[in-house]
């Protein structure tokens, strides 16, 4: 497969939700490129968060951004100064974000931390920001007392999935069973060694329509 033909957020790829996990011990270290720094959320940053997520194609509109914010963070804004991370450039523009969170819907009873809504503004992608951002946010989860982390994602964002696998994340047992076809698609696209136990999907299976459309705002 010619990966150059795939966008890093490619809606043509057959949609499956995926869940990864790993211990928060022995985390890799990556430094931001010169001219960038980490800052935490401050009141008024909701608009910056929505703008970054829209630029990265995680959100389709301002209205969707407002609704997703309400669902995921509306009740938790008091937590965000300790949890929501931004990368800021030398002009003070926020260009990337991730959040050291938890399952805000209360379905995960494990007590694990969750890495939420990782995104880099479109024009700043390819500048070496994503791995430092993920590493910093995972360390923030550990500082908040979590010992393990989960990442909910999907096949459409295959490049992000590859980066998470590079970080030592693996499919959860439940995800490997219930969304095995999704992992097979990811195996075919990335050939990642962490997915050695999965068969690779055939090329013709990657772009077939799925009977369920991804719910808007489904990706933390």
N, C-alpha and C. Protein backbone atom coordinates (compact mmCIF):
# COMPACT_ATOMS: atom_id res chain seq x y z
N UNK A 1 0.84 -1.20 0.00
CA UNK A 1 0.00 0.00 0.00
C UNK A 1 0.87 1.24 0.00
N UNK A 2 0.48 2.22 -0.80
CA UNK A 2 1.20 3.49 -0.88
C UNK A 2 0.68 4.42 0.21
N UNK A 3 1.44 4.52 1.32
CA UNK A 3 0.98 5.34 2.44
C UNK A 3 0.94 6.82 2.10
N UNK A 4 1.68 7.23 1.09
CA UNK A 4 1.67 8.63 0.71
C UNK A 4 0.29 9.06 0.19
N UNK A 5 -0.53 8.09 -0.19
CA UNK A 5 -1.87 8.40 -0.68
C UNK A 5 -2.87 8.57 0.47
N UNK A 6 -2.46 8.23 1.71
CA UNK A 6 -3.34 8.34 2.86
C UNK A 6 -3.09 9.64 3.60
N UNK A 7 -4.15 10.30 3.99
CA UNK A 7 -4.03 11.45 4.88
C UNK A 7 -3.87 10.93 6.30
N UNK A 8 -3.23 11.72 7.17
CA UNK A 8 -3.05 11.23 8.53
C UNK A 8 -4.35 11.16 9.32
N UNK A 9 -5.39 11.84 8.85
CA UNK A 9 -6.75 11.65 9.35
C UNK A 9 -7.62 11.42 8.12
N UNK A 10 -7.79 10.16 7.76
CA UNK A 10 -8.36 9.82 6.46
C UNK A 10 -9.74 9.18 6.65
N UNK A 11 -10.77 9.95 6.31
CA UNK A 11 -12.14 9.48 6.51
C UNK A 11 -12.53 8.37 5.55
N UNK A 12 -11.69 8.06 4.56
CA UNK A 12 -11.99 6.97 3.64
C UNK A 12 -11.75 5.61 4.28
N UNK A 13 -10.90 5.58 5.30
CA UNK A 13 -10.57 4.31 5.95
C UNK A 13 -11.78 3.81 6.72
N UNK A 14 -12.06 2.53 6.59
CA UNK A 14 -13.20 1.92 7.29
C UNK A 14 -13.06 2.17 8.79
N UNK A 15 -14.11 2.68 9.39
CA UNK A 15 -14.06 3.11 10.79
C UNK A 15 -14.25 1.96 11.78
N UNK A 16 -13.31 1.86 12.72
CA UNK A 16 -13.47 1.03 13.91
C UNK A 16 -12.90 1.80 15.09
N UNK A 17 -13.59 1.81 16.22
CA UNK A 17 -12.99 2.38 17.44
C UNK A 17 -11.92 1.44 17.97
N UNK A 18 -10.87 1.99 18.52
CA UNK A 18 -9.75 1.22 19.04
C UNK A 18 -9.39 1.73 20.43
N UNK A 19 -8.87 0.86 21.26
CA UNK A 19 -8.42 1.26 22.59
C UNK A 19 -7.06 0.64 22.87
N UNK A 20 -6.13 1.48 23.32
CA UNK A 20 -4.78 1.03 23.65
C UNK A 20 -4.50 1.30 25.12
N UNK A 21 -3.49 0.61 25.66
CA UNK A 21 -3.11 0.81 27.06
C UNK A 21 -1.63 0.51 27.25
N UNK A 22 -1.07 1.07 28.33
CA UNK A 22 0.28 0.74 28.75
C UNK A 22 0.51 1.23 30.17
N UNK A 23 1.54 0.69 30.78
CA UNK A 23 1.99 1.18 32.07
C UNK A 23 2.61 2.56 31.90
N UNK A 24 2.55 3.37 32.94
CA UNK A 24 3.17 4.69 32.90
C UNK A 24 4.59 4.68 33.46
N UNK A 25 5.16 3.51 33.64
CA UNK A 25 6.58 3.42 34.00
C UNK A 25 7.42 3.39 32.72
N UNK A 26 8.66 3.76 32.84
CA UNK A 26 9.63 3.70 31.73
C UNK A 26 9.12 4.44 30.49
N UNK A 27 8.66 5.65 30.68
CA UNK A 27 8.17 6.44 29.55
C UNK A 27 9.33 7.02 28.75
N UNK A 28 9.22 7.03 27.43
CA UNK A 28 10.27 7.65 26.61
C UNK A 28 10.27 9.17 26.79
N UNK A 29 11.40 9.77 26.51
CA UNK A 29 11.56 11.22 26.64
C UNK A 29 11.81 11.84 25.27
N UNK A 30 11.06 12.87 24.94
CA UNK A 30 11.27 13.63 23.71
C UNK A 30 11.22 15.11 24.04
N UNK A 31 12.11 15.88 23.44
CA UNK A 31 12.16 17.31 23.68
C UNK A 31 11.48 18.07 22.54
N UNK A 32 10.83 19.17 22.90
CA UNK A 32 10.23 20.03 21.88
C UNK A 32 11.32 20.69 21.03
N UNK A 33 11.04 20.93 19.76
CA UNK A 33 11.98 21.71 18.94
C UNK A 33 12.15 23.11 19.51
N UNK A 34 13.24 23.77 19.15
CA UNK A 34 13.49 25.14 19.59
C UNK A 34 12.34 26.04 19.14
N UNK A 35 11.96 26.96 20.00
CA UNK A 35 10.92 27.91 19.67
C UNK A 35 9.54 27.52 20.14
N UNK A 36 9.41 26.35 20.75
CA UNK A 36 8.13 25.89 21.26
C UNK A 36 8.24 25.65 22.76
N UNK A 37 7.11 25.74 23.45
CA UNK A 37 7.08 25.45 24.90
C UNK A 37 5.72 24.88 25.27
N UNK A 38 5.69 24.21 26.43
CA UNK A 38 4.45 23.69 26.97
C UNK A 38 3.80 24.73 27.89
N UNK A 39 2.50 24.84 27.79
CA UNK A 39 1.72 25.66 28.72
C UNK A 39 0.45 24.88 29.06
N UNK A 40 -0.15 25.22 30.19
CA UNK A 40 -1.38 24.57 30.60
C UNK A 40 -2.59 25.47 30.31
N UNK A 41 -3.75 24.85 30.31
CA UNK A 41 -5.01 25.54 30.03
C UNK A 41 -5.23 26.70 30.97
N UNK A 42 -5.76 27.77 30.41
CA UNK A 42 -6.21 28.92 31.18
C UNK A 42 -7.60 29.30 30.69
N UNK A 43 -8.40 29.93 31.53
CA UNK A 43 -9.72 30.36 31.07
C UNK A 43 -9.63 31.14 29.76
N UNK A 44 -10.49 30.79 28.82
CA UNK A 44 -10.45 31.39 27.50
C UNK A 44 -9.82 30.51 26.45
N UNK A 45 -9.21 29.39 26.88
CA UNK A 45 -8.53 28.50 25.93
C UNK A 45 -9.45 27.53 25.22
N UNK A 46 -10.73 27.54 25.54
CA UNK A 46 -11.65 26.66 24.83
C UNK A 46 -11.61 26.94 23.33
N UNK A 47 -11.58 28.20 22.95
CA UNK A 47 -11.55 28.55 21.52
C UNK A 47 -10.26 28.07 20.88
N UNK A 48 -9.14 28.15 21.60
CA UNK A 48 -7.87 27.65 21.06
C UNK A 48 -7.92 26.13 20.85
N UNK A 49 -8.52 25.44 21.82
CA UNK A 49 -8.64 23.99 21.72
C UNK A 49 -9.49 23.61 20.50
N UNK A 50 -10.63 24.26 20.34
CA UNK A 50 -11.50 23.96 19.20
C UNK A 50 -10.79 24.25 17.89
N UNK A 51 -10.06 25.37 17.82
CA UNK A 51 -9.36 25.74 16.58
C UNK A 51 -8.31 24.69 16.21
N UNK A 52 -7.57 24.19 17.19
CA UNK A 52 -6.56 23.17 16.91
C UNK A 52 -7.21 21.88 16.45
N UNK A 53 -8.26 21.45 17.14
CA UNK A 53 -8.93 20.20 16.79
C UNK A 53 -9.58 20.29 15.40
N UNK A 54 -10.11 21.44 15.06
CA UNK A 54 -10.68 21.62 13.72
C UNK A 54 -9.59 21.60 12.66
N UNK A 55 -8.48 22.27 12.93
CA UNK A 55 -7.39 22.29 11.96
C UNK A 55 -6.85 20.89 11.71
N UNK A 56 -6.82 20.06 12.76
CA UNK A 56 -6.32 18.68 12.64
C UNK A 56 -7.36 17.72 12.10
N UNK A 57 -8.55 18.22 11.74
CA UNK A 57 -9.65 17.44 11.19
C UNK A 57 -10.30 16.51 12.20
N UNK A 58 -10.08 16.77 13.49
CA UNK A 58 -10.77 16.00 14.51
C UNK A 58 -12.21 16.46 14.66
N UNK A 59 -12.46 17.72 14.32
CA UNK A 59 -13.79 18.31 14.40
C UNK A 59 -14.11 18.96 13.07
N UNK A 60 -15.40 18.99 12.74
CA UNK A 60 -15.80 19.49 11.43
C UNK A 60 -16.27 20.94 11.45
N UNK A 61 -16.69 21.44 12.62
CA UNK A 61 -17.26 22.78 12.66
C UNK A 61 -17.11 23.37 14.05
N UNK A 62 -17.31 24.68 14.12
CA UNK A 62 -17.29 25.35 15.43
C UNK A 62 -18.41 24.82 16.31
N UNK A 63 -19.58 24.59 15.73
CA UNK A 63 -20.71 24.09 16.52
C UNK A 63 -20.41 22.71 17.09
N UNK A 64 -19.81 21.85 16.28
CA UNK A 64 -19.44 20.53 16.79
C UNK A 64 -18.40 20.66 17.90
N UNK A 65 -17.46 21.58 17.72
CA UNK A 65 -16.46 21.81 18.75
C UNK A 65 -17.07 22.23 20.07
N UNK A 66 -18.04 23.11 20.02
CA UNK A 66 -18.71 23.54 21.25
C UNK A 66 -19.44 22.37 21.92
N UNK A 67 -20.07 21.52 21.11
CA UNK A 67 -20.79 20.38 21.67
C UNK A 67 -19.84 19.35 22.26
N UNK A 68 -18.74 19.08 21.56
CA UNK A 68 -17.76 18.13 22.09
C UNK A 68 -17.15 18.66 23.38
N UNK A 69 -16.84 19.95 23.39
CA UNK A 69 -16.29 20.54 24.62
C UNK A 69 -17.28 20.35 25.77
N UNK A 70 -18.54 20.62 25.52
CA UNK A 70 -19.54 20.47 26.57
C UNK A 70 -19.58 19.03 27.08
N UNK A 71 -19.52 18.06 26.16
CA UNK A 71 -19.60 16.66 26.54
C UNK A 71 -18.40 16.22 27.38
N UNK A 72 -17.21 16.62 26.95
CA UNK A 72 -16.00 16.08 27.55
C UNK A 72 -15.44 16.94 28.68
N UNK A 73 -15.60 18.26 28.58
CA UNK A 73 -14.92 19.13 29.53
C UNK A 73 -15.83 20.13 30.24
N UNK A 74 -17.09 20.25 29.80
CA UNK A 74 -17.95 21.26 30.39
C UNK A 74 -18.08 21.14 31.90
N UNK A 75 -18.15 19.91 32.41
CA UNK A 75 -18.30 19.69 33.85
C UNK A 75 -16.96 19.62 34.58
N UNK A 76 -15.85 19.70 33.81
CA UNK A 76 -14.54 19.45 34.41
C UNK A 76 -13.56 20.61 34.22
N UNK A 77 -14.05 21.80 33.89
CA UNK A 77 -13.12 22.90 33.61
C UNK A 77 -12.22 23.24 34.80
N UNK A 78 -12.69 23.01 36.00
CA UNK A 78 -11.87 23.27 37.18
C UNK A 78 -10.63 22.37 37.22
N UNK A 79 -10.70 21.21 36.54
CA UNK A 79 -9.57 20.27 36.50
C UNK A 79 -8.53 20.63 35.44
N UNK A 80 -8.93 21.40 34.44
CA UNK A 80 -8.10 21.57 33.25
C UNK A 80 -6.77 22.30 33.48
N UNK A 81 -6.65 23.26 34.42
CA UNK A 81 -5.34 23.88 34.62
C UNK A 81 -4.24 22.89 35.01
N UNK A 82 -4.62 21.73 35.52
CA UNK A 82 -3.64 20.68 35.87
C UNK A 82 -3.54 19.58 34.82
N UNK A 83 -4.42 19.61 33.80
CA UNK A 83 -4.54 18.46 32.93
C UNK A 83 -4.43 18.76 31.44
N UNK A 84 -4.94 19.88 30.99
CA UNK A 84 -4.94 20.16 29.55
C UNK A 84 -3.66 20.91 29.16
N UNK A 85 -2.91 20.28 28.25
CA UNK A 85 -1.61 20.78 27.83
C UNK A 85 -1.72 21.39 26.43
N UNK A 86 -1.02 22.49 26.22
CA UNK A 86 -0.86 23.07 24.89
C UNK A 86 0.61 23.21 24.57
N UNK A 87 0.92 23.16 23.28
CA UNK A 87 2.22 23.58 22.78
C UNK A 87 2.04 24.97 22.19
N UNK A 88 2.89 25.87 22.60
CA UNK A 88 2.82 27.26 22.14
C UNK A 88 4.06 27.58 21.34
N UNK A 89 3.91 28.31 20.23
CA UNK A 89 5.08 28.69 19.43
C UNK A 89 5.67 30.01 19.93
N UNK A 90 6.71 30.48 19.26
CA UNK A 90 7.42 31.67 19.71
C UNK A 90 6.58 32.93 19.62
N UNK A 91 5.47 32.87 18.87
CA UNK A 91 4.56 34.02 18.76
C UNK A 91 3.42 33.94 19.78
N UNK A 92 3.48 32.94 20.65
CA UNK A 92 2.44 32.79 21.66
C UNK A 92 1.18 32.13 21.14
N UNK A 93 1.23 31.53 19.94
CA UNK A 93 0.08 30.84 19.38
C UNK A 93 0.05 29.39 19.87
N UNK A 94 -1.10 28.94 20.26
CA UNK A 94 -1.26 27.55 20.69
C UNK A 94 -1.49 26.69 19.44
N UNK A 95 -0.60 25.71 19.23
CA UNK A 95 -0.58 24.97 17.97
C UNK A 95 -0.80 23.47 18.14
N UNK A 96 -0.84 22.98 19.37
CA UNK A 96 -1.06 21.55 19.62
C UNK A 96 -1.62 21.39 21.02
N UNK A 97 -2.31 20.27 21.24
CA UNK A 97 -2.92 20.04 22.54
C UNK A 97 -3.10 18.56 22.83
N UNK A 98 -3.13 18.23 24.10
CA UNK A 98 -3.49 16.90 24.60
C UNK A 98 -3.91 17.08 26.05
N UNK A 99 -4.65 16.12 26.58
CA UNK A 99 -5.16 16.26 27.94
C UNK A 99 -4.91 14.98 28.74
N UNK A 100 -4.38 15.16 29.94
CA UNK A 100 -4.15 14.06 30.89
C UNK A 100 -5.42 13.89 31.71
N UNK A 101 -6.31 13.03 31.25
CA UNK A 101 -7.66 13.00 31.80
C UNK A 101 -7.99 11.62 32.36
N UNK A 102 -9.24 11.31 32.37
CA UNK A 102 -9.80 10.03 32.81
C UNK A 102 -11.05 9.82 31.98
N UNK A 103 -11.71 8.70 32.16
CA UNK A 103 -12.95 8.45 31.42
C UNK A 103 -14.04 9.34 32.01
N UNK A 104 -14.32 10.45 31.36
CA UNK A 104 -15.27 11.43 31.90
C UNK A 104 -16.70 10.90 31.93
N UNK A 105 -16.96 9.81 31.21
CA UNK A 105 -18.30 9.24 31.19
C UNK A 105 -18.50 8.15 32.25
N UNK A 106 -17.44 7.82 32.97
CA UNK A 106 -17.55 6.90 34.09
C UNK A 106 -17.71 5.45 33.74
N UNK A 107 -17.41 5.07 32.49
CA UNK A 107 -17.59 3.67 32.09
C UNK A 107 -16.40 2.80 32.48
N UNK A 108 -15.21 3.41 32.53
CA UNK A 108 -13.99 2.67 32.85
C UNK A 108 -13.79 2.69 34.37
N UNK A 109 -13.90 1.52 34.98
CA UNK A 109 -13.79 1.41 36.43
C UNK A 109 -12.38 1.02 36.87
N UNK A 110 -11.43 1.02 35.95
CA UNK A 110 -10.08 0.54 36.28
C UNK A 110 -9.27 1.54 37.08
N UNK A 111 -9.65 2.81 37.05
CA UNK A 111 -8.85 3.85 37.68
C UNK A 111 -7.69 4.31 36.83
N UNK A 112 -7.63 3.87 35.58
CA UNK A 112 -6.55 4.29 34.68
C UNK A 112 -6.75 5.74 34.23
N UNK A 113 -5.64 6.40 33.93
CA UNK A 113 -5.71 7.69 33.27
C UNK A 113 -6.00 7.51 31.79
N UNK A 114 -6.54 8.54 31.19
CA UNK A 114 -6.83 8.51 29.75
C UNK A 114 -6.14 9.68 29.06
N UNK A 115 -5.49 9.40 27.95
CA UNK A 115 -4.92 10.45 27.11
C UNK A 115 -6.00 10.91 26.14
N UNK A 116 -6.38 12.18 26.22
CA UNK A 116 -7.53 12.71 25.49
C UNK A 116 -7.12 13.64 24.35
N UNK A 117 -7.77 13.50 23.22
CA UNK A 117 -7.82 14.51 22.15
C UNK A 117 -6.45 15.10 21.79
N UNK A 118 -5.54 14.24 21.40
CA UNK A 118 -4.21 14.68 20.94
C UNK A 118 -4.36 15.27 19.54
N UNK A 119 -3.88 16.48 19.32
CA UNK A 119 -4.01 17.10 18.00
C UNK A 119 -2.92 18.15 17.82
N UNK A 120 -2.44 18.25 16.59
CA UNK A 120 -1.47 19.27 16.18
C UNK A 120 -2.08 20.05 15.03
N UNK A 121 -2.02 21.36 15.12
CA UNK A 121 -2.55 22.21 14.06
C UNK A 121 -1.95 21.82 12.72
N UNK A 122 -2.77 21.82 11.68
CA UNK A 122 -2.38 21.28 10.39
C UNK A 122 -1.05 21.84 9.89
N UNK A 123 -0.89 23.15 9.97
CA UNK A 123 0.32 23.78 9.43
C UNK A 123 1.56 23.52 10.28
N UNK A 124 1.38 22.97 11.48
CA UNK A 124 2.52 22.66 12.34
C UNK A 124 2.81 21.16 12.40
N UNK A 125 2.07 20.36 11.66
CA UNK A 125 2.34 18.93 11.61
C UNK A 125 3.64 18.67 10.86
N UNK A 126 4.35 17.62 11.26
CA UNK A 126 5.63 17.30 10.63
C UNK A 126 6.80 18.07 11.21
N UNK A 127 6.58 18.80 12.31
CA UNK A 127 7.65 19.59 12.91
C UNK A 127 8.17 18.98 14.21
N UNK A 128 7.82 17.74 14.46
CA UNK A 128 8.35 17.05 15.63
C UNK A 128 7.68 17.45 16.94
N UNK A 129 6.39 17.76 16.89
CA UNK A 129 5.68 18.18 18.10
C UNK A 129 4.91 17.05 18.78
N UNK A 130 4.43 16.08 18.02
CA UNK A 130 3.49 15.11 18.58
C UNK A 130 4.14 14.22 19.65
N UNK A 131 5.32 13.69 19.40
CA UNK A 131 5.92 12.80 20.39
C UNK A 131 6.30 13.53 21.68
N UNK A 132 6.92 14.73 21.61
CA UNK A 132 7.14 15.46 22.87
C UNK A 132 5.84 15.76 23.61
N UNK A 133 4.78 16.12 22.87
CA UNK A 133 3.49 16.42 23.50
C UNK A 133 2.93 15.19 24.19
N UNK A 134 2.94 14.05 23.53
CA UNK A 134 2.42 12.83 24.14
C UNK A 134 3.25 12.44 25.36
N UNK A 135 4.57 12.49 25.24
CA UNK A 135 5.45 12.12 26.36
C UNK A 135 5.20 13.03 27.56
N UNK A 136 5.07 14.33 27.32
CA UNK A 136 4.84 15.29 28.40
C UNK A 136 3.50 15.02 29.07
N UNK A 137 2.47 14.75 28.28
CA UNK A 137 1.13 14.54 28.84
C UNK A 137 1.05 13.23 29.60
N UNK A 138 1.74 12.20 29.12
CA UNK A 138 1.78 10.94 29.86
C UNK A 138 2.50 11.12 31.19
N UNK A 139 3.55 11.92 31.20
CA UNK A 139 4.23 12.21 32.46
C UNK A 139 3.32 12.99 33.41
N UNK A 140 2.49 13.83 32.83
CA UNK A 140 1.54 14.56 33.66
C UNK A 140 0.55 13.59 34.30
N UNK A 141 0.08 12.61 33.53
CA UNK A 141 -0.79 11.58 34.10
C UNK A 141 -0.11 10.88 35.28
N UNK A 142 1.15 10.54 35.10
CA UNK A 142 1.88 9.86 36.17
C UNK A 142 2.02 10.76 37.39
N UNK A 143 2.28 12.05 37.16
CA UNK A 143 2.40 12.99 38.27
C UNK A 143 1.08 13.15 39.03
N UNK A 144 -0.02 12.94 38.33
CA UNK A 144 -1.34 13.02 38.96
C UNK A 144 -1.71 11.75 39.72
N UNK A 145 -0.82 10.75 39.69
CA UNK A 145 -1.02 9.56 40.50
C UNK A 145 -1.45 8.31 39.75
N UNK A 146 -1.62 8.40 38.44
CA UNK A 146 -2.02 7.22 37.67
C UNK A 146 -0.82 6.32 37.41
N UNK A 147 -1.05 5.04 37.35
CA UNK A 147 0.02 4.08 37.06
C UNK A 147 -0.11 3.46 35.68
N UNK A 148 -1.31 3.57 35.08
CA UNK A 148 -1.55 3.06 33.74
C UNK A 148 -2.37 4.08 32.96
N UNK A 149 -2.26 3.99 31.64
CA UNK A 149 -2.99 4.93 30.78
C UNK A 149 -3.68 4.18 29.65
N UNK A 150 -4.81 4.71 29.24
CA UNK A 150 -5.52 4.23 28.07
C UNK A 150 -5.63 5.36 27.04
N UNK A 151 -5.71 4.96 25.77
CA UNK A 151 -5.93 5.92 24.69
C UNK A 151 -7.04 5.39 23.80
N UNK A 152 -8.20 6.07 23.77
CA UNK A 152 -9.22 5.72 22.78
C UNK A 152 -8.93 6.43 21.47
N UNK A 153 -8.99 5.70 20.39
CA UNK A 153 -8.71 6.28 19.07
C UNK A 153 -9.52 5.51 18.04
N UNK A 154 -9.12 5.58 16.77
CA UNK A 154 -9.86 4.88 15.72
C UNK A 154 -8.97 4.66 14.50
N UNK A 155 -9.44 3.80 13.62
CA UNK A 155 -8.65 3.47 12.44
C UNK A 155 -8.42 4.67 11.53
N UNK A 156 -9.37 5.63 11.49
CA UNK A 156 -9.21 6.79 10.62
C UNK A 156 -7.93 7.57 10.91
N UNK A 157 -7.54 7.61 12.18
CA UNK A 157 -6.32 8.33 12.56
C UNK A 157 -5.17 7.33 12.71
N UNK A 158 -4.87 6.67 11.62
CA UNK A 158 -3.92 5.57 11.63
C UNK A 158 -2.51 6.01 12.03
N UNK A 159 -2.11 7.23 11.63
CA UNK A 159 -0.76 7.69 11.95
C UNK A 159 -0.61 7.92 13.45
N UNK A 160 -1.64 8.50 14.07
CA UNK A 160 -1.61 8.65 15.52
C UNK A 160 -1.51 7.29 16.20
N UNK A 161 -2.26 6.31 15.70
CA UNK A 161 -2.20 4.96 16.25
C UNK A 161 -0.78 4.40 16.18
N UNK A 162 -0.13 4.63 15.06
CA UNK A 162 1.25 4.15 14.90
C UNK A 162 2.17 4.79 15.94
N UNK A 163 1.98 6.09 16.17
CA UNK A 163 2.80 6.78 17.17
C UNK A 163 2.55 6.20 18.56
N UNK A 164 1.29 5.91 18.89
CA UNK A 164 1.00 5.32 20.20
C UNK A 164 1.65 3.95 20.34
N UNK A 165 1.62 3.17 19.28
CA UNK A 165 2.29 1.88 19.31
C UNK A 165 3.80 2.05 19.49
N UNK A 166 4.37 3.07 18.85
CA UNK A 166 5.79 3.38 19.03
C UNK A 166 6.10 3.69 20.49
N UNK A 167 5.14 4.25 21.21
CA UNK A 167 5.31 4.59 22.62
C UNK A 167 5.17 3.38 23.54
N UNK A 168 4.90 2.22 22.98
CA UNK A 168 4.75 1.02 23.80
C UNK A 168 3.33 0.70 24.18
N UNK A 169 2.36 1.43 23.64
CA UNK A 169 0.96 1.08 23.87
C UNK A 169 0.61 -0.17 23.07
N UNK A 170 -0.34 -0.94 23.59
CA UNK A 170 -0.82 -2.16 22.93
C UNK A 170 -2.34 -2.17 22.98
N UNK A 171 -2.97 -2.91 22.09
CA UNK A 171 -4.43 -3.03 22.16
C UNK A 171 -4.86 -3.63 23.49
N UNK A 172 -5.94 -3.10 24.05
CA UNK A 172 -6.52 -3.76 25.22
C UNK A 172 -7.09 -5.11 24.78
N UNK A 173 -7.21 -6.02 25.72
CA UNK A 173 -7.74 -7.36 25.39
C UNK A 173 -9.15 -7.24 24.81
N UNK A 174 -9.98 -6.38 25.38
CA UNK A 174 -11.34 -6.21 24.90
C UNK A 174 -11.37 -5.65 23.48
N UNK A 175 -10.54 -4.64 23.23
CA UNK A 175 -10.50 -4.04 21.90
C UNK A 175 -9.98 -5.03 20.86
N UNK A 176 -8.98 -5.81 21.24
CA UNK A 176 -8.42 -6.80 20.32
C UNK A 176 -9.48 -7.82 19.91
N UNK A 177 -10.40 -8.11 20.82
CA UNK A 177 -11.44 -9.09 20.52
C UNK A 177 -12.61 -8.47 19.76
N UNK A 178 -13.11 -7.34 20.24
CA UNK A 178 -14.35 -6.79 19.68
C UNK A 178 -14.13 -6.00 18.40
N UNK A 179 -12.94 -5.47 18.20
CA UNK A 179 -12.65 -4.69 17.00
C UNK A 179 -11.43 -5.23 16.27
N UNK A 180 -11.37 -6.56 16.19
CA UNK A 180 -10.21 -7.20 15.57
C UNK A 180 -10.01 -6.74 14.13
N UNK A 181 -11.10 -6.54 13.40
CA UNK A 181 -10.96 -6.08 12.01
C UNK A 181 -10.27 -4.73 11.94
N UNK A 182 -10.54 -3.88 12.92
CA UNK A 182 -9.87 -2.59 12.95
C UNK A 182 -8.37 -2.73 13.12
N UNK A 183 -7.96 -3.61 14.00
CA UNK A 183 -6.53 -3.83 14.20
C UNK A 183 -5.89 -4.48 12.97
N UNK A 184 -6.66 -5.31 12.28
CA UNK A 184 -6.14 -5.90 11.04
C UNK A 184 -5.91 -4.82 9.98
N UNK A 185 -6.82 -3.85 9.92
CA UNK A 185 -6.62 -2.73 9.00
C UNK A 185 -5.37 -1.95 9.38
N UNK A 186 -5.22 -1.69 10.67
CA UNK A 186 -4.03 -0.95 11.12
C UNK A 186 -2.75 -1.73 10.85
N UNK A 187 -2.83 -3.06 11.01
CA UNK A 187 -1.66 -3.89 10.71
C UNK A 187 -1.29 -3.77 9.23
N UNK A 188 -2.30 -3.76 8.36
CA UNK A 188 -2.02 -3.67 6.93
C UNK A 188 -1.42 -2.31 6.57
N UNK A 189 -1.90 -1.25 7.20
CA UNK A 189 -1.42 0.09 6.86
C UNK A 189 -0.03 0.35 7.43
N UNK A 190 0.22 -0.08 8.68
CA UNK A 190 1.45 0.31 9.36
C UNK A 190 2.51 -0.79 9.42
N UNK A 191 2.09 -2.07 9.32
CA UNK A 191 3.01 -3.21 9.51
C UNK A 191 3.77 -3.09 10.83
N UNK A 192 3.12 -2.56 11.85
CA UNK A 192 3.81 -2.32 13.12
C UNK A 192 4.07 -3.65 13.83
N UNK A 193 5.30 -3.83 14.36
CA UNK A 193 5.63 -5.10 15.02
C UNK A 193 4.78 -5.38 16.26
N UNK A 194 4.22 -4.34 16.90
CA UNK A 194 3.37 -4.55 18.06
C UNK A 194 2.07 -5.26 17.71
N UNK A 195 1.76 -5.32 16.42
CA UNK A 195 0.53 -5.97 15.97
C UNK A 195 0.82 -7.32 15.31
N UNK A 196 1.92 -7.94 15.70
CA UNK A 196 2.34 -9.19 15.06
C UNK A 196 1.32 -10.31 15.23
N UNK A 197 0.49 -10.25 16.27
CA UNK A 197 -0.48 -11.32 16.50
C UNK A 197 -1.73 -11.19 15.62
N UNK A 198 -1.84 -10.10 14.87
CA UNK A 198 -3.01 -9.89 14.01
C UNK A 198 -2.66 -10.20 12.56
N UNK A 199 -3.63 -10.74 11.84
CA UNK A 199 -3.50 -10.86 10.40
C UNK A 199 -3.66 -9.48 9.77
N UNK A 200 -3.01 -9.26 8.65
CA UNK A 200 -3.16 -7.99 7.94
C UNK A 200 -4.41 -8.03 7.07
N UNK A 201 -5.19 -6.96 7.10
CA UNK A 201 -6.37 -6.88 6.24
C UNK A 201 -5.94 -6.83 4.78
N UNK A 202 -6.79 -7.31 3.91
CA UNK A 202 -6.55 -7.17 2.47
C UNK A 202 -6.79 -5.73 2.07
N UNK A 203 -6.11 -5.29 1.01
CA UNK A 203 -6.26 -3.90 0.56
C UNK A 203 -7.71 -3.54 0.32
N UNK A 204 -8.49 -4.47 -0.21
CA UNK A 204 -9.88 -4.19 -0.52
C UNK A 204 -10.77 -4.00 0.69
N UNK A 205 -10.29 -4.40 1.87
CA UNK A 205 -11.09 -4.26 3.09
C UNK A 205 -10.90 -2.90 3.75
N UNK A 206 -9.87 -2.17 3.38
CA UNK A 206 -9.51 -0.97 4.13
C UNK A 206 -10.50 0.16 3.90
N UNK A 207 -10.99 0.31 2.69
CA UNK A 207 -11.85 1.44 2.36
C UNK A 207 -13.31 1.06 2.24
N UNK A 208 -13.68 -0.17 2.59
CA UNK A 208 -15.09 -0.56 2.54
C UNK A 208 -15.88 0.22 3.57
N UNK A 209 -17.12 0.55 3.24
CA UNK A 209 -17.97 1.27 4.18
C UNK A 209 -18.31 0.39 5.36
N UNK A 210 -18.34 0.98 6.53
CA UNK A 210 -18.75 0.28 7.75
C UNK A 210 -20.22 0.59 7.99
N UNK A 211 -20.92 -0.36 8.53
CA UNK A 211 -22.35 -0.16 8.71
C UNK A 211 -22.67 0.89 9.76
N UNK A 212 -21.70 1.18 10.64
CA UNK A 212 -21.93 2.20 11.65
C UNK A 212 -21.01 3.38 11.37
N UNK A 213 -21.59 4.57 11.25
CA UNK A 213 -20.78 5.76 11.10
C UNK A 213 -20.18 6.13 12.44
N UNK A 214 -18.96 6.67 12.45
CA UNK A 214 -18.36 7.09 13.72
C UNK A 214 -19.18 8.21 14.34
N UNK A 215 -19.54 8.09 15.62
CA UNK A 215 -20.29 9.15 16.26
C UNK A 215 -19.48 10.43 16.33
N UNK A 216 -20.10 11.56 16.12
CA UNK A 216 -19.41 12.83 16.16
C UNK A 216 -18.84 13.06 17.54
N UNK A 217 -17.56 13.43 17.56
CA UNK A 217 -16.92 13.68 18.84
C UNK A 217 -16.60 12.43 19.61
N UNK A 218 -16.46 11.29 18.91
CA UNK A 218 -16.25 10.03 19.62
C UNK A 218 -14.83 9.85 20.07
N UNK A 219 -13.90 10.63 19.54
CA UNK A 219 -12.49 10.40 19.84
C UNK A 219 -12.01 11.32 20.95
N UNK A 220 -11.75 10.81 22.16
CA UNK A 220 -11.12 11.63 23.17
C UNK A 220 -9.66 11.89 22.83
